[in-house]
């Protein structure tokens, strides 16, 4: 099964140098979602992973949305050793 995790956080500034805390909050939420799915993960499991980031304008700041499909989870499931 392909698992896709999405998390959003808001920053109260429109200046990219002020978005660090919001990005960290969204990353932490991605890890928590993976743990809730039964994964034993930490922030180090994001090393080398591709994340999609969407930045949307909101009043007085931005909303940062991160999406993660863990490597290996993007393959279709197998049945009896054969791809379906």
Protein backbone atom coordinates (compact mmCIF):
# COMPACT_ATOMS: atom_id res chain seq x y z
CA UNK A 1 0.00 0.00 0.00
CA UNK A 2 1.27 3.45 -0.88
CA UNK A 3 1.38 5.64 2.20
CA UNK A 4 1.34 9.40 1.80
CA UNK A 5 1.74 11.76 4.73
CA UNK A 6 0.79 15.44 4.67
CA UNK A 7 1.26 18.08 7.35
CA UNK A 8 0.81 21.85 7.44
CA UNK A 9 1.98 24.65 9.72
CA UNK A 10 1.63 28.41 9.65
CA UNK A 11 4.34 31.05 9.85
CA UNK A 12 3.37 34.57 10.88
CA UNK A 13 5.78 36.15 8.40
CA UNK A 14 6.06 36.23 4.64
CA UNK A 15 9.86 36.31 4.80
CA UNK A 16 11.45 32.90 4.04
CA UNK A 17 14.12 33.33 6.73
CA UNK A 18 11.29 33.25 9.30
CA UNK A 19 9.73 29.97 8.16
CA UNK A 20 12.04 27.57 9.98
CA UNK A 21 9.79 26.88 12.95
CA UNK A 22 6.76 26.20 10.73
CA UNK A 23 8.76 23.80 8.55
CA UNK A 24 10.08 22.01 11.64
CA UNK A 25 6.56 21.67 13.03
CA UNK A 26 5.32 20.16 9.75
CA UNK A 27 8.30 17.75 9.63
CA UNK A 28 7.61 16.65 13.19
CA UNK A 29 3.97 16.02 12.29
CA UNK A 30 5.02 13.85 9.32
CA UNK A 31 7.12 11.70 11.66
CA UNK A 32 4.23 11.41 14.14
CA UNK A 33 1.83 10.33 11.40
CA UNK A 34 4.28 7.62 10.29
CA UNK A 35 4.60 6.42 13.90
CA UNK A 36 0.81 6.22 14.21
CA UNK A 37 0.89 3.93 11.16
CA UNK A 38 3.19 1.62 13.09
CA UNK A 39 6.51 2.86 11.73
CA UNK A 40 9.50 3.07 14.04
CA UNK A 41 10.92 6.32 12.66
CA UNK A 42 12.89 9.39 13.68
CA UNK A 43 13.91 12.59 11.96
CA UNK A 44 16.94 10.74 10.57
CA UNK A 45 14.61 8.65 8.44
CA UNK A 46 13.92 11.79 6.40
CA UNK A 47 17.57 12.01 5.29
CA UNK A 48 17.70 11.54 1.53
CA UNK A 49 13.91 11.43 1.20
CA UNK A 50 12.03 13.57 -1.30
CA UNK A 51 9.50 15.91 0.27
CA UNK A 52 7.03 18.07 -1.60
CA UNK A 53 6.52 21.58 -0.18
CA UNK A 54 3.70 23.96 -1.04
CA UNK A 55 3.77 27.50 0.30
CA UNK A 56 0.46 29.29 0.41
CA UNK A 57 -0.15 32.90 1.34
CA UNK A 58 -2.42 33.54 4.32
CA UNK A 59 -3.25 36.76 6.09
CA UNK A 60 -0.06 38.02 7.69
CA UNK A 61 2.08 35.01 6.78
CA UNK A 62 2.23 31.70 4.97
CA UNK A 63 1.00 28.15 5.35
CA UNK A 64 3.65 25.54 4.62
CA UNK A 65 2.41 22.11 3.60
CA UNK A 66 4.80 19.17 3.35
CA UNK A 67 3.99 15.83 1.72
CA UNK A 68 6.09 12.69 2.11
CA UNK A 69 5.85 9.30 0.46
CA UNK A 70 8.50 7.22 2.25
CA UNK A 71 10.98 5.56 -0.09
CA UNK A 72 9.88 2.01 -0.70
CA UNK A 73 6.24 2.86 -0.05
CA UNK A 74 5.79 4.08 -3.63
CA UNK A 75 5.95 0.56 -5.09
CA UNK A 76 2.73 -1.34 -5.73
CA UNK A 77 2.06 -4.26 -3.37
CA UNK A 78 3.19 -7.78 -4.30
CA UNK A 79 1.13 -10.96 -4.30
CA UNK A 80 2.80 -14.34 -4.11
CA UNK A 81 6.11 -12.77 -5.08
CA UNK A 82 4.68 -11.24 -8.27
CA UNK A 83 3.99 -7.57 -8.87
CA UNK A 84 0.32 -6.84 -9.49
